[in-house]
Every structure is written in C-alpha cells, then in structure tokens.
Protein backbone atom coordinates (compact mmCIF):
# COMPACT_ATOMS: atom_id res chain seq x y z
CA MET A 1 -16.58 -153.96 -5.42
CA GLU A 2 -15.60 -150.89 -6.84
CA SER A 3 -17.35 -148.68 -9.37
CA LYS A 4 -15.58 -146.78 -11.44
CA GLY A 5 -17.73 -143.52 -10.38
CA LEU A 6 -16.84 -143.83 -6.44
CA ARG A 7 -13.68 -143.60 -4.95
CA SER A 8 -12.20 -145.67 -3.21
CA GLU A 9 -12.34 -143.87 0.80
CA SER A 10 -8.34 -143.47 0.63
CA GLU A 11 -8.45 -142.18 -2.69
CA THR A 12 -10.78 -139.62 -1.11
CA LEU A 13 -8.58 -138.98 1.81
CA SER A 14 -6.06 -138.63 -0.29
CA ALA A 15 -7.55 -135.79 -2.55
CA ILE A 16 -8.86 -133.89 0.88
CA GLY A 17 -5.28 -134.03 2.14
CA GLY A 18 -4.20 -132.68 -1.05
CA ILE A 19 -6.34 -130.12 -0.67
CA GLU A 20 -5.89 -129.20 2.11
CA GLU A 21 -2.73 -129.16 1.68
CA SER A 22 -3.16 -126.66 -1.59
CA VAL A 23 -5.56 -124.75 0.79
CA LEU A 24 -3.01 -124.26 3.98
CA ARG A 25 -0.44 -123.32 1.13
CA SER A 26 -2.26 -121.16 0.14
CA VAL A 27 -3.65 -119.63 3.64
CA GLY A 28 0.24 -119.29 4.17
CA ALA A 29 1.13 -117.81 1.65
CA LEU A 30 -2.08 -115.34 1.79
CA GLY A 31 -0.81 -114.57 5.34
CA ALA A 32 2.73 -113.87 4.38
CA SER A 33 1.21 -111.53 1.66
CA ILE A 34 -0.82 -109.92 4.91
CA ALA A 35 1.90 -109.50 6.71
CA GLU A 36 4.13 -107.72 4.13
CA ALA A 37 1.16 -105.55 3.59
CA GLY A 38 1.09 -104.58 7.17
CA VAL A 39 4.60 -103.81 7.26
CA ARG A 40 4.24 -101.96 3.94
CA GLY A 41 1.21 -99.82 5.32
CA LYS A 42 2.76 -99.53 8.46
CA ASP A 43 5.81 -97.98 7.35
CA ALA A 44 3.66 -95.90 4.46
CA ILE A 45 2.31 -94.67 7.81
CA SER A 46 5.33 -94.01 9.59
CA THR A 47 6.37 -91.76 6.25
CA VAL A 48 3.07 -89.41 6.32
CA ALA A 49 3.48 -89.28 10.33
CA THR A 50 6.97 -88.21 9.62
CA ASP A 51 6.08 -85.49 6.83
CA ALA A 52 3.20 -84.77 8.63
CA THR A 53 5.57 -83.77 11.94
CA ASN A 54 8.03 -82.20 9.86
CA SER A 55 5.48 -79.68 7.91
CA ALA A 56 3.62 -78.84 11.00
CA GLY A 57 6.84 -78.12 12.24
CA ALA A 58 7.72 -75.56 9.71
CA GLU A 59 4.57 -74.28 9.26
CA LEU A 60 4.33 -73.60 13.13
CA ALA A 61 7.84 -71.77 12.64
CA LEU A 62 6.34 -69.88 9.93
CA LEU A 63 3.57 -68.59 11.93
CA ARG A 64 6.25 -67.55 14.64
CA SER A 65 7.79 -65.95 12.54
CA ASP A 66 5.05 -63.95 11.11
CA LEU A 67 3.24 -63.07 15.03
CA ASN A 68 6.41 -61.76 15.55
CA SER A 69 6.63 -59.33 12.05
CA LEU A 70 2.72 -58.42 13.39
CA ILE A 71 4.11 -57.46 16.78
CA ASP A 72 6.89 -55.60 15.85
CA THR A 73 4.64 -53.83 13.73
CA VAL A 74 2.18 -53.01 15.90
CA GLU A 75 5.31 -51.44 18.06
CA LYS A 76 5.47 -49.23 15.46
CA PHE A 77 2.26 -48.29 15.00
CA ILE A 78 2.14 -47.42 18.61
CA ALA A 79 5.49 -45.24 19.01
CA HIS A 80 4.19 -43.37 16.00
CA ALA A 81 0.37 -42.85 17.29
CA GLY A 82 2.19 -41.77 20.40
CA VAL A 83 4.33 -39.52 18.71
CA GLU A 84 1.70 -37.77 16.58
CA THR A 85 -0.55 -37.53 19.88
CA GLU A 86 2.15 -35.29 21.57
CA LYS A 87 1.87 -33.00 18.27
CA VAL A 88 -1.64 -32.93 18.03
CA ALA A 89 -1.49 -32.13 21.68
CA ARG A 90 1.01 -29.17 21.30
CA LYS A 91 -0.90 -27.69 18.36
CA VAL A 92 -3.95 -27.85 20.86
CA SER A 93 -2.53 -26.44 23.68
CA HIS A 94 -0.27 -23.75 21.77
CA ASN A 95 -3.94 -23.03 20.16
CA VAL A 96 -5.42 -22.71 23.56
CA ALA A 97 -2.84 -20.55 24.91
CA GLY A 98 -3.07 -18.16 22.07
CA ARG A 99 -6.61 -18.18 22.73
CA ALA A 100 -6.28 -17.38 26.15
CA SER A 101 -4.33 -14.91 25.11
CA ASP A 102 -6.65 -13.54 22.69
CA LEU A 103 -9.23 -13.66 25.61
CA SER A 104 -7.17 -11.83 28.09
CA ASP A 105 -6.27 -9.33 25.91
CA LYS A 106 -10.19 -8.80 25.00
CA GLY A 107 -10.91 -8.49 28.81
CA VAL A 108 -8.33 -6.20 29.02
CA GLU A 109 -10.15 -3.86 26.70
CA MET A 110 -13.55 -4.27 28.04
CA ALA A 111 -12.28 -3.39 31.21
CA SER A 112 -10.64 -0.56 30.24
CA ALA A 113 -13.66 0.52 27.98
CA ALA A 114 -16.01 -0.30 31.31
CA THR A 115 -13.59 2.33 33.57
CA ASP A 116 -13.16 4.59 30.64
CA GLN A 117 -17.65 4.36 30.28
CA ALA A 118 -17.89 4.93 34.32
CA LYS A 119 -15.61 7.81 34.51
CA VAL A 120 -17.70 9.54 31.86
CA PHE A 121 -20.60 8.87 33.18
CA ALA A 122 -19.54 9.91 37.04
CA SER A 123 -18.53 12.86 35.40
CA ASP A 124 -21.70 13.60 33.59
CA PHE A 125 -23.21 12.69 37.01
CA GLU A 126 -21.60 15.40 38.83
CA HIS A 127 -22.36 17.65 36.82
CA MET A 128 -26.45 17.27 36.55
CA VAL A 129 -25.80 17.56 40.27
CA ARG A 130 -24.24 20.30 40.08
CA ARG A 131 -26.28 22.30 37.89
CA ASN A 132 -29.75 20.70 39.53
CA PRO A 133 -28.80 19.90 43.64
CA ILE A 134 -32.24 19.57 44.43
CA GLY A 135 -33.64 17.35 41.60
CA ALA A 136 -30.48 15.02 42.52
CA ILE A 137 -31.60 15.18 46.62
CA ALA A 138 -34.79 14.13 45.67
CA GLY A 139 -33.51 11.74 42.91
CA ALA A 140 -31.48 10.09 45.77
CA VAL A 141 -34.87 9.95 48.30
CA THR A 142 -36.99 8.72 46.21
CA VAL A 143 -34.53 5.88 45.32
CA GLY A 144 -34.02 5.42 48.76
CA VAL A 145 -37.82 5.14 49.78
CA VAL A 146 -38.00 2.27 46.81
CA ILE A 147 -35.23 0.28 48.21
CA GLY A 148 -36.82 0.75 51.84
CA LEU A 149 -39.88 -0.87 50.27
CA LEU A 150 -38.55 -3.44 48.67
CA GLY A 151 -36.73 -4.87 51.78
CA ARG A 152 -39.77 -4.34 53.79
CA ARG A 153 -41.31 -7.14 51.44
CA SER A 154 -38.10 -9.55 51.58
C-alpha cells in the first residue's frame, strides 16, 4: 500500500522525465543563446578587425605623406646649404686673394726698401774704403782670419 507522502515509482519516473525534458529544453535554449552570442561576437570581432585595418591603412597613408614631406624638406635644406656654402667659399677665396695681393704688395715694398738700403750701405761702405783704404784692408784680413778659425773648429 502506498502512503500519502510517498509517490509511486511511475509517478517519480514521470516527474524525473518531466524535469529531464525541462532541463533539455533549457539546455537547448541555452545552447541556442550561446550559439547566437558566438555569432554576434564573431560579427563584432570582424567589424572591429575591418575598422582597425581601415584605420591602419589611413594611418599608413598619412605616415607615407609625412615621410615624403620630410624628404622634400631635407632635399631643400641640403640644396640651400650647398648654395650658402658656395657663397661663403667665394667670399673666403676673394678675401684670401685680396690678402695675398696685399701681402705681395707689401713683399714688393719690403724688397724695394731692402734694395734701397743695400745700395745706401754699399755706397757708404765704398766711401769709407776710399777715405781709409788701410783700415778696410785690415778689416778684411781680420774677417778672413775669423772665418778661417771658425772653419777649422768644424
């Protein structure tokens, strides 16, 4: 006999079957929700990847543009530096040529002055020798002896 608190085996089995069915329906619905979330996630990842690729392409194009602009600027700078260097070189060579010309002129003046002094000295020496020939001969002999003594020591 069955008691009130106890169920029959078939009722228990039937209740378990209902629970199993309910669990299976819940699991099926959960599986469908997971599959749907997976598809949405896949679509979202695809969209983000496409946006990132497009953004990277735009950034790369901007970077190329900046790099080309930098190359143009460097080329202009080098050309300008070359022109300025040429100007400075011309000024320096002109200044050096001017100074060389000045030095040459000063050298010519010094040589002329030295020639004039040598002529004056030779003229004075000649007058001295004419006034005192014996002193000139004695001086020449003395200078000869000194040179001879210095020559022996070497």
